[in-house]
Amino acid sequence: MKTVENAIISTDLAMYFKKKSSFMEVVENGEFDWQSEPQKELLCGMMMTACDVSAIAKPWEVQHKIAKLVADEFFDQGDLEKLQLNQQPVVGW
């Protein structure tokens, strides 16, 4: 679960900029310790950021389809919260 949480949080570019210097140090040293949990977490986070940012390189049809799926899931989750939990979903914008 910690790995999944870290991966999700890593898509926040603020986290990328906090971790960038540590990542560049590992890259410049040319050594990666696969036994080191912090280094594995760092690499996973950087890979998630790369995947997230590179989404704009996909053809428009693919981007549009994925954005619609994400938006639909977001609104479905809000509807589920209203029905099952009798709560008004939090709106952050």
PDB file of N, CA and C in Angstrom:
ATOM      1  N   MET A   1       0.824  -1.185   0.000  1.00  0.00           N
ATOM      2  CA  MET A   1       0.000   0.000   0.000  1.00  0.00           C
ATOM      3  C   MET A   1       0.876   1.259   0.000  1.00  0.00           C
ATOM      4  N   LYS A   2       1.978   1.186   0.708  1.00  0.00           N
ATOM      5  CA  LYS A   2       2.883   2.331   0.763  1.00  0.00           C
ATOM      6  C   LYS A   2       3.412   2.660  -0.641  1.00  0.00           C
ATOM      7  N   THR A   3       3.709   1.632  -1.427  1.00  0.00           N
ATOM      8  CA  THR A   3       4.207   1.841  -2.785  1.00  0.00           C
ATOM      9  C   THR A   3       3.162   2.529  -3.646  1.00  0.00           C
ATOM     10  N   VAL A   4       1.927   2.114  -3.526  1.00  0.00           N
ATOM     11  CA  VAL A   4       0.835   2.719  -4.304  1.00  0.00           C
ATOM     12  C   VAL A   4       0.638   4.171  -3.877  1.00  0.00           C
ATOM     13  N   GLU A   5       0.631   4.411  -2.588  1.00  0.00           N
ATOM     14  CA  GLU A   5       0.477   5.789  -2.094  1.00  0.00           C
ATOM     15  C   GLU A   5       1.601   6.682  -2.606  1.00  0.00           C
ATOM     16  N   ASN A   6       2.830   6.177  -2.529  1.00  0.00           N
ATOM     17  CA  ASN A   6       3.976   6.947  -3.010  1.00  0.00           C
ATOM     18  C   ASN A   6       3.850   7.236  -4.504  1.00  0.00           C
ATOM     19  N   ALA A   7       3.407   6.248  -5.266  1.00  0.00           N
ATOM     20  CA  ALA A   7       3.260   6.426  -6.712  1.00  0.00           C
ATOM     21  C   ALA A   7       2.232   7.516  -7.022  1.00  0.00           C
ATOM     22  N   ILE A   8       1.130   7.506  -6.323  1.00  0.00           N
ATOM     23  CA  ILE A   8       0.078   8.498  -6.550  1.00  0.00           C
ATOM     24  C   ILE A   8       0.563   9.894  -6.152  1.00  0.00           C
ATOM     25  N   ILE A   9       1.173   9.996  -4.982  1.00  0.00           N
ATOM     26  CA  ILE A   9       1.665  11.292  -4.510  1.00  0.00           C
ATOM     27  C   ILE A   9       2.754  11.828  -5.446  1.00  0.00           C
ATOM     28  N   SER A  10       3.514  10.935  -6.054  1.00  0.00           N
ATOM     29  CA  SER A  10       4.608  11.351  -6.931  1.00  0.00           C
ATOM     30  C   SER A  10       4.128  12.042  -8.203  1.00  0.00           C
ATOM     31  N   THR A  11       2.875  11.903  -8.542  1.00  0.00           N
ATOM     32  CA  THR A  11       2.372  12.590  -9.731  1.00  0.00           C
ATOM     33  C   THR A  11       2.189  14.086  -9.474  1.00  0.00           C
ATOM     34  N   ASP A  12       2.332  14.508  -8.227  1.00  0.00           N
ATOM     35  CA  ASP A  12       2.301  15.930  -7.883  1.00  0.00           C
ATOM     36  C   ASP A  12       3.666  16.522  -8.214  1.00  0.00           C
ATOM     37  N   LEU A  13       3.710  17.478  -9.132  1.00  0.00           N
ATOM     38  CA  LEU A  13       4.996  18.030  -9.560  1.00  0.00           C
ATOM     39  C   LEU A  13       5.767  18.700  -8.429  1.00  0.00           C
ATOM     40  N   ALA A  14       5.088  19.149  -7.401  1.00  0.00           N
ATOM     41  CA  ALA A  14       5.790  19.715  -6.248  1.00  0.00           C
ATOM     42  C   ALA A  14       6.686  18.651  -5.612  1.00  0.00           C
ATOM     43  N   MET A  15       6.219  17.411  -5.595  1.00  0.00           N
ATOM     44  CA  MET A  15       7.021  16.312  -5.053  1.00  0.00           C
ATOM     45  C   MET A  15       8.217  16.033  -5.956  1.00  0.00           C
ATOM     46  N   TYR A  16       8.005  16.118  -7.258  1.00  0.00           N
ATOM     47  CA  TYR A  16       9.096  15.907  -8.209  1.00  0.00           C
ATOM     48  C   TYR A  16      10.235  16.888  -7.937  1.00  0.00           C
ATOM     49  N   PHE A  17       9.902  18.154  -7.802  1.00  0.00           N
ATOM     50  CA  PHE A  17      10.936  19.161  -7.604  1.00  0.00           C
ATOM     51  C   PHE A  17      11.652  18.977  -6.265  1.00  0.00           C
ATOM     52  N   LYS A  18      10.962  18.443  -5.261  1.00  0.00           N
ATOM     53  CA  LYS A  18      11.608  18.167  -3.977  1.00  0.00           C
ATOM     54  C   LYS A  18      12.594  17.002  -4.099  1.00  0.00           C
ATOM     55  N   LYS A  19      12.271  16.026  -4.958  1.00  0.00           N
ATOM     56  CA  LYS A  19      13.077  14.809  -5.064  1.00  0.00           C
ATOM     57  C   LYS A  19      14.097  14.849  -6.202  1.00  0.00           C
ATOM     58  N   LYS A  20      14.017  15.856  -7.048  1.00  0.00           N
ATOM     59  CA  LYS A  20      14.851  15.897  -8.249  1.00  0.00           C
ATOM     60  C   LYS A  20      16.348  15.837  -7.933  1.00  0.00           C
ATOM     61  N   SER A  21      16.811  16.617  -6.973  1.00  0.00           N
ATOM     62  CA  SER A  21      18.254  16.637  -6.680  1.00  0.00           C
ATOM     63  C   SER A  21      18.734  15.277  -6.167  1.00  0.00           C
ATOM     64  N   SER A  22      17.941  14.620  -5.352  1.00  0.00           N
ATOM     65  CA  SER A  22      18.306  13.283  -4.861  1.00  0.00           C
ATOM     66  C   SER A  22      18.386  12.296  -6.020  1.00  0.00           C
ATOM     67  N   PHE A  23      17.442  12.395  -6.937  1.00  0.00           N
ATOM     68  CA  PHE A  23      17.427  11.506  -8.093  1.00  0.00           C
ATOM     69  C   PHE A  23      18.642  11.770  -8.983  1.00  0.00           C
ATOM     70  N   MET A  24      18.939  13.035  -9.238  1.00  0.00           N
ATOM     71  CA  MET A  24      20.075  13.382 -10.092  1.00  0.00           C
ATOM     72  C   MET A  24      21.391  12.908  -9.473  1.00  0.00           C
ATOM     73  N   GLU A  25      21.479  12.924  -8.161  1.00  0.00           N
ATOM     74  CA  GLU A  25      22.671  12.425  -7.471  1.00  0.00           C
ATOM     75  C   GLU A  25      22.854  10.930  -7.727  1.00  0.00           C
ATOM     76  N   VAL A  26      21.767  10.182  -7.652  1.00  0.00           N
ATOM     77  CA  VAL A  26      21.824   8.742  -7.932  1.00  0.00           C
ATOM     78  C   VAL A  26      22.240   8.513  -9.385  1.00  0.00           C
ATOM     79  N   VAL A  27      21.667   9.285 -10.300  1.00  0.00           N
ATOM     80  CA  VAL A  27      21.986   9.147 -11.723  1.00  0.00           C
ATOM     81  C   VAL A  27      23.460   9.473 -11.974  1.00  0.00           C
ATOM     82  N   GLU A  28      23.928  10.575 -11.421  1.00  0.00           N
ATOM     83  CA  GLU A  28      25.311  11.004 -11.647  1.00  0.00           C
ATOM     84  C   GLU A  28      26.315  10.029 -11.047  1.00  0.00           C
ATOM     85  N   ASN A  29      25.977   9.404  -9.938  1.00  0.00           N
ATOM     86  CA  ASN A  29      26.862   8.398  -9.331  1.00  0.00           C
ATOM     87  C   ASN A  29      26.882   7.119 -10.155  1.00  0.00           C
ATOM     88  N   GLY A  30      25.825   6.912 -10.930  1.00  0.00           N
ATOM     89  CA  GLY A  30      25.768   5.715 -11.775  1.00  0.00           C
ATOM     90  C   GLY A  30      25.574   4.432 -11.004  1.00  0.00           C
ATOM     91  N   GLU A  31      25.194   4.552  -9.763  1.00  0.00           N
ATOM     92  CA  GLU A  31      24.988   3.364  -8.940  1.00  0.00           C
ATOM     93  C   GLU A  31      23.600   3.398  -8.329  1.00  0.00           C
ATOM     94  N   PHE A  32      22.905   2.297  -8.483  1.00  0.00           N
ATOM     95  CA  PHE A  32      21.576   2.177  -7.889  1.00  0.00           C
ATOM     96  C   PHE A  32      21.589   0.951  -7.001  1.00  0.00           C
ATOM     97  N   ASP A  33      21.203   1.115  -5.772  1.00  0.00           N
ATOM     98  CA  ASP A  33      21.172   0.018  -4.802  1.00  0.00           C
ATOM     99  C   ASP A  33      19.757  -0.548  -4.742  1.00  0.00           C
ATOM    100  N   TRP A  34      19.562  -1.695  -5.378  1.00  0.00           N
ATOM    101  CA  TRP A  34      18.232  -2.311  -5.434  1.00  0.00           C
ATOM    102  C   TRP A  34      17.756  -2.803  -4.071  1.00  0.00           C
ATOM    103  N   GLN A  35      18.659  -2.833  -3.097  1.00  0.00           N
ATOM    104  CA  GLN A  35      18.276  -3.238  -1.744  1.00  0.00           C
ATOM    105  C   GLN A  35      17.842  -2.039  -0.900  1.00  0.00           C
ATOM    106  N   SER A  36      18.064  -0.849  -1.402  1.00  0.00           N
ATOM    107  CA  SER A  36      17.740   0.363  -0.655  1.00  0.00           C
ATOM    108  C   SER A  36      16.284   0.766  -0.904  1.00  0.00           C
ATOM    109  N   GLU A  37      15.479   0.690   0.139  1.00  0.00           N
ATOM    110  CA  GLU A  37      14.067   1.081   0.012  1.00  0.00           C
ATOM    111  C   GLU A  37      13.908   2.544  -0.404  1.00  0.00           C
ATOM    112  N   PRO A  38      14.686   3.472   0.195  1.00  0.00           N
ATOM    113  CA  PRO A  38      14.539   4.868  -0.232  1.00  0.00           C
ATOM    114  C   PRO A  38      14.870   5.071  -1.715  1.00  0.00           C
ATOM    115  N   GLN A  39      15.901   4.373  -2.219  1.00  0.00           N
ATOM    116  CA  GLN A  39      16.231   4.521  -3.636  1.00  0.00           C
ATOM    117  C   GLN A  39      15.164   3.899  -4.526  1.00  0.00           C
ATOM    118  N   LYS A  40      14.614   2.763  -4.118  1.00  0.00           N
ATOM    119  CA  LYS A  40      13.539   2.148  -4.912  1.00  0.00           C
ATOM    120  C   LYS A  40      12.305   3.045  -4.927  1.00  0.00           C
ATOM    121  N   GLU A  41      11.989   3.641  -3.789  1.00  0.00           N
ATOM    122  CA  GLU A  41      10.850   4.558  -3.693  1.00  0.00           C
ATOM    123  C   GLU A  41      11.081   5.790  -4.573  1.00  0.00           C
ATOM    124  N   LEU A  42      12.303   6.302  -4.563  1.00  0.00           N
ATOM    125  CA  LEU A  42      12.658   7.453  -5.381  1.00  0.00           C
ATOM    126  C   LEU A  42      12.505   7.130  -6.872  1.00  0.00           C
ATOM    127  N   LEU A  43      13.022   5.994  -7.300  1.00  0.00           N
ATOM    128  CA  LEU A  43      12.929   5.595  -8.704  1.00  0.00           C
ATOM    129  C   LEU A  43      11.478   5.391  -9.128  1.00  0.00           C
ATOM    130  N   CYS A  44      10.700   4.741  -8.291  1.00  0.00           N
ATOM    131  CA  CYS A  44       9.283   4.526  -8.596  1.00  0.00           C
ATOM    132  C   CYS A  44       8.566   5.864  -8.751  1.00  0.00           C
ATOM    133  N   GLY A  45       8.854   6.799  -7.861  1.00  0.00           N
ATOM    134  CA  GLY A  45       8.227   8.115  -7.927  1.00  0.00           C
ATOM    135  C   GLY A  45       8.599   8.855  -9.202  1.00  0.00           C
ATOM    136  N   MET A  46       9.864   8.783  -9.589  1.00  0.00           N
ATOM    137  CA  MET A  46      10.309   9.453 -10.810  1.00  0.00           C
ATOM    138  C   MET A  46       9.673   8.816 -12.047  1.00  0.00           C
ATOM    139  N   MET A  47       9.529   7.509 -12.022  1.00  0.00           N
ATOM    140  CA  MET A  47       8.883   6.826 -13.150  1.00  0.00           C
ATOM    141  C   MET A  47       7.414   7.221 -13.256  1.00  0.00           C
ATOM    142  N   MET A  48       6.747   7.353 -12.122  1.00  0.00           N
ATOM    143  CA  MET A  48       5.340   7.774 -12.148  1.00  0.00           C
ATOM    144  C   MET A  48       5.208   9.192 -12.690  1.00  0.00           C
ATOM    145  N   THR A  49       6.119  10.064 -12.283  1.00  0.00           N
ATOM    146  CA  THR A  49       6.103  11.435 -12.776  1.00  0.00           C
ATOM    147  C   THR A  49       6.314  11.447 -14.282  1.00  0.00           C
ATOM    148  N   ALA A  50       7.283  10.663 -14.757  1.00  0.00           N
ATOM    149  CA  ALA A  50       7.564  10.595 -16.197  1.00  0.00           C
ATOM    150  C   ALA A  50       6.343  10.098 -16.966  1.00  0.00           C
ATOM    151  N   CYS A  51       5.689   9.077 -16.449  1.00  0.00           N
ATOM    152  CA  CYS A  51       4.488   8.552 -17.107  1.00  0.00           C
ATOM    153  C   CYS A  51       3.380   9.597 -17.132  1.00  0.00           C
ATOM    154  N   ASP A  52       3.206  10.286 -16.025  1.00  0.00           N
ATOM    155  CA  ASP A  52       2.152  11.289 -15.922  1.00  0.00           C
ATOM    156  C   ASP A  52       2.396  12.450 -16.885  1.00  0.00           C
ATOM    157  N   VAL A  53       3.612  12.965 -16.888  1.00  0.00           N
ATOM    158  CA  VAL A  53       3.936  14.120 -17.730  1.00  0.00           C
ATOM    159  C   VAL A  53       3.946  13.741 -19.212  1.00  0.00           C
ATOM    160  N   SER A  54       4.357  12.522 -19.530  1.00  0.00           N
ATOM    161  CA  SER A  54       4.453  12.115 -20.931  1.00  0.00           C
ATOM    162  C   SER A  54       3.089  11.849 -21.566  1.00  0.00           C
ATOM    163  N   ALA A  55       2.036  11.893 -20.791  1.00  0.00           N
ATOM    164  CA  ALA A  55       0.698  11.644 -21.339  1.00  0.00           C
ATOM    165  C   ALA A  55       0.363  12.608 -22.469  1.00  0.00           C
ATOM    166  N   ILE A  56       0.940  13.806 -22.442  1.00  0.00           N
ATOM    167  CA  ILE A  56       0.642  14.785 -23.488  1.00  0.00           C
ATOM    168  C   ILE A  56       1.240  14.391 -24.833  1.00  0.00           C
ATOM    169  N   ALA A  57       2.130  13.407 -24.842  1.00  0.00           N
ATOM    170  CA  ALA A  57       2.739  12.962 -26.090  1.00  0.00           C
ATOM    171  C   ALA A  57       1.858  11.952 -26.831  1.00  0.00           C
ATOM    172  N   LYS A  58       0.795  11.518 -26.190  1.00  0.00           N
ATOM    173  CA  LYS A  58      -0.113  10.559 -26.828  1.00  0.00           C
ATOM    174  C   LYS A  58      -0.989  11.276 -27.844  1.00  0.00           C
ATOM    175  N   PRO A  59      -1.458  10.550 -28.847  1.00  0.00           N
ATOM    176  CA  PRO A  59      -2.380  11.168 -29.815  1.00  0.00           C
ATOM    177  C   PRO A  59      -3.613  11.724 -29.097  1.00  0.00           C
ATOM    178  N   TRP A  60      -4.164  12.791 -29.651  1.00  0.00           N
ATOM    179  CA  TRP A  60      -5.297  13.472 -29.030  1.00  0.00           C
ATOM    180  C   TRP A  60      -6.446  12.519 -28.724  1.00  0.00           C
ATOM    181  N   GLU A  61      -6.743  11.608 -29.621  1.00  0.00           N
ATOM    182  CA  GLU A  61      -7.864  10.684 -29.411  1.00  0.00           C
ATOM    183  C   GLU A  61      -7.653   9.859 -28.143  1.00  0.00           C
ATOM    184  N   VAL A  62      -6.414   9.438 -27.911  1.00  0.00           N
ATOM    185  CA  VAL A  62      -6.089   8.641 -26.717  1.00  0.00           C
ATOM    186  C   VAL A  62      -6.196   9.524 -25.468  1.00  0.00           C
ATOM    187  N   GLN A  63      -5.618  10.723 -25.524  1.00  0.00           N
ATOM    188  CA  GLN A  63      -5.694  11.646 -24.383  1.00  0.00           C
ATOM    189  C   GLN A  63      -7.138  11.941 -24.010  1.00  0.00           C
ATOM    190  N   HIS A  64      -7.949  12.226 -25.017  1.00  0.00           N
ATOM    191  CA  HIS A  64      -9.351  12.572 -24.789  1.00  0.00           C
ATOM    192  C   HIS A  64     -10.099  11.414 -24.133  1.00  0.00           C
ATOM    193  N   LYS A  65      -9.876  10.211 -24.646  1.00  0.00           N
ATOM    194  CA  LYS A  65     -10.549   9.028 -24.099  1.00  0.00           C
ATOM    195  C   LYS A  65     -10.172   8.813 -22.625  1.00  0.00           C
ATOM    196  N   ILE A  66      -8.882   8.924 -22.320  1.00  0.00           N
ATOM    197  CA  ILE A  66      -8.417   8.715 -20.945  1.00  0.00           C
ATOM    198  C   ILE A  66      -8.943   9.803 -20.021  1.00  0.00           C
ATOM    199  N   ALA A  67      -8.918  11.056 -20.487  1.00  0.00           N
ATOM    200  CA  ALA A  67      -9.437  12.155 -19.664  1.00  0.00           C
ATOM    201  C   ALA A  67     -10.919  11.946 -19.359  1.00  0.00           C
ATOM    202  N   LYS A  68     -11.665  11.469 -20.333  1.00  0.00           N
ATOM    203  CA  LYS A  68     -13.098  11.209 -20.117  1.00  0.00           C
ATOM    204  C   LYS A  68     -13.285  10.082 -19.102  1.00  0.00           C
ATOM    205  N   LEU A  69     -12.492   9.029 -19.215  1.00  0.00           N
ATOM    206  CA  LEU A  69     -12.586   7.922 -18.257  1.00  0.00           C
ATOM    207  C   LEU A  69     -12.292   8.395 -16.833  1.00  0.00           C
ATOM    208  N   VAL A  70     -11.265   9.233 -16.687  1.00  0.00           N
ATOM    209  CA  VAL A  70     -10.905   9.752 -15.362  1.00  0.00           C
ATOM    210  C   VAL A  70     -12.030  10.634 -14.816  1.00  0.00           C
ATOM    211  N   ALA A  71     -12.566  11.517 -15.654  1.00  0.00           N
ATOM    212  CA  ALA A  71     -13.650  12.397 -15.215  1.00  0.00           C
ATOM    213  C   ALA A  71     -14.894  11.587 -14.841  1.00  0.00           C
ATOM    214  N   ASP A  72     -15.212  10.586 -15.647  1.00  0.00           N
ATOM    215  CA  ASP A  72     -16.372   9.735 -15.337  1.00  0.00           C
ATOM    216  C   ASP A  72     -16.187   9.027 -14.001  1.00  0.00           C
ATOM    217  N   GLU A  73     -14.984   8.512 -13.764  1.00  0.00           N
ATOM    218  CA  GLU A  73     -14.710   7.837 -12.496  1.00  0.00           C
ATOM    219  C   GLU A  73     -14.844   8.815 -11.324  1.00  0.00           C
ATOM    220  N   PHE A  74     -14.351  10.021 -11.520  1.00  0.00           N
ATOM    221  CA  PHE A  74     -14.437  11.053 -10.485  1.00  0.00           C
ATOM    222  C   PHE A  74     -15.895  11.335 -10.120  1.00  0.00           C
ATOM    223  N   PHE A  75     -16.732  11.533 -11.121  1.00  0.00           N
ATOM    224  CA  PHE A  75     -18.137  11.843 -10.849  1.00  0.00           C
ATOM    225  C   PHE A  75     -18.896  10.630 -10.325  1.00  0.00           C
ATOM    226  N   ASP A  76     -18.543   9.429 -10.807  1.00  0.00           N
ATOM    227  CA  ASP A  76     -19.165   8.216 -10.275  1.00  0.00           C
ATOM    228  C   ASP A  76     -18.851   8.053  -8.792  1.00  0.00           C
ATOM    229  N   GLN A  77     -17.609   8.364  -8.418  1.00  0.00           N
ATOM    230  CA  GLN A  77     -17.217   8.276  -7.010  1.00  0.00           C
ATOM    231  C   GLN A  77     -18.026   9.254  -6.167  1.00  0.00           C
ATOM    232  N   GLY A  78     -18.227  10.461  -6.682  1.00  0.00           N
ATOM    233  CA  GLY A  78     -19.039  11.447  -5.963  1.00  0.00           C
ATOM    234  C   GLY A  78     -20.469  10.978  -5.790  1.00  0.00           C
ATOM    235  N   ASP A  79     -21.039  10.402  -6.839  1.00  0.00           N
ATOM    236  CA  ASP A  79     -22.403   9.867  -6.750  1.00  0.00           C
ATOM    237  C   ASP A  79     -22.487   8.747  -5.726  1.00  0.00           C
ATOM    238  N   LEU A  80     -21.452   7.890  -5.695  1.00  0.00           N
ATOM    239  CA  LEU A  80     -21.419   6.783  -4.749  1.00  0.00           C
ATOM    240  C   LEU A  80     -21.344   7.297  -3.309  1.00  0.00           C
ATOM    241  N   GLU A  81     -20.546   8.335  -3.108  1.00  0.00           N
ATOM    242  CA  GLU A  81     -20.452   8.926  -1.764  1.00  0.00           C
ATOM    243  C   GLU A  81     -21.802   9.477  -1.317  1.00  0.00           C
ATOM    244  N   LYS A  82     -22.513  10.099  -2.238  1.00  0.00           N
ATOM    245  CA  LYS A  82     -23.828  10.649  -1.885  1.00  0.00           C
ATOM    246  C   LYS A  82     -24.807   9.534  -1.538  1.00  0.00           C
ATOM    247  N   LEU A  83     -24.820   8.468  -2.335  1.00  0.00           N
ATOM    248  CA  LEU A  83     -25.792   7.387  -2.137  1.00  0.00           C
ATOM    249  C   LEU A  83     -25.461   6.500  -0.938  1.00  0.00           C
ATOM    250  N   GLN A  84     -24.247   6.011  -0.877  1.00  0.00           N
ATOM    251  CA  GLN A  84     -23.896   5.026   0.142  1.00  0.00           C
ATOM    252  C   GLN A  84     -23.501   5.642   1.478  1.00  0.00           C
ATOM    253  N   LEU A  85     -22.863   6.784   1.434  1.00  0.00           N
ATOM    254  CA  LEU A  85     -22.379   7.387   2.678  1.00  0.00           C
ATOM    255  C   LEU A  85     -23.228   8.565   3.128  1.00  0.00           C
ATOM    256  N   ASN A  86     -24.181   8.932   2.290  1.00  0.00           N
ATOM    257  CA  ASN A  86     -25.052  10.068   2.593  1.00  0.00           C
ATOM    258  C   ASN A  86     -24.227  11.327   2.904  1.00  0.00           C
ATOM    259  N   GLN A  87     -23.156  11.507   2.101  1.00  0.00           N
ATOM    260  CA  GLN A  87     -22.282  12.649   2.289  1.00  0.00           C
ATOM    261  C   GLN A  87     -22.201  13.454   1.002  1.00  0.00           C
ATOM    262  N   GLN A  88     -22.037  14.736   1.158  1.00  0.00           N
ATOM    263  CA  GLN A  88     -21.821  15.596   0.007  1.00  0.00           C
ATOM    264  C   GLN A  88     -20.341  15.524  -0.353  1.00  0.00           C
ATOM    265  N   PRO A  89     -19.989  15.180  -1.601  1.00  0.00           N
ATOM    266  CA  PRO A  89     -18.577  15.098  -1.975  1.00  0.00           C
ATOM    267  C   PRO A  89     -17.871  16.438  -1.797  1.00  0.00           C
ATOM    268  N   VAL A  90     -16.595  16.358  -1.455  1.00  0.00           N
ATOM    269  CA  VAL A  90     -15.777  17.550  -1.293  1.00  0.00           C
ATOM    270  C   VAL A  90     -15.406  18.069  -2.668  1.00  0.00           C
ATOM    271  N   VAL A  91     -15.598  19.350  -2.891  1.00  0.00           N
ATOM    272  CA  VAL A  91     -15.238  19.975  -4.136  1.00  0.00           C
ATOM    273  C   VAL A  91     -14.115  20.942  -3.836  1.00  0.00           C
ATOM    274  N   GLY A  92     -12.959  20.727  -4.488  1.00  0.00           N
ATOM    275  CA  GLY A  92     -11.793  21.525  -4.164  1.00  0.00           C
ATOM    276  C   GLY A  92     -11.528  22.670  -5.109  1.00  0.00           C
ATOM    277  N   TRP A  93     -12.439  22.975  -6.000  1.00  0.00           N
ATOM    278  CA  TRP A  93     -12.161  24.095  -6.902  1.00  0.00           C
ATOM    279  C   TRP A  93     -13.274  25.071  -6.945  1.00  0.00           C
TER     280      TRP A  93
END
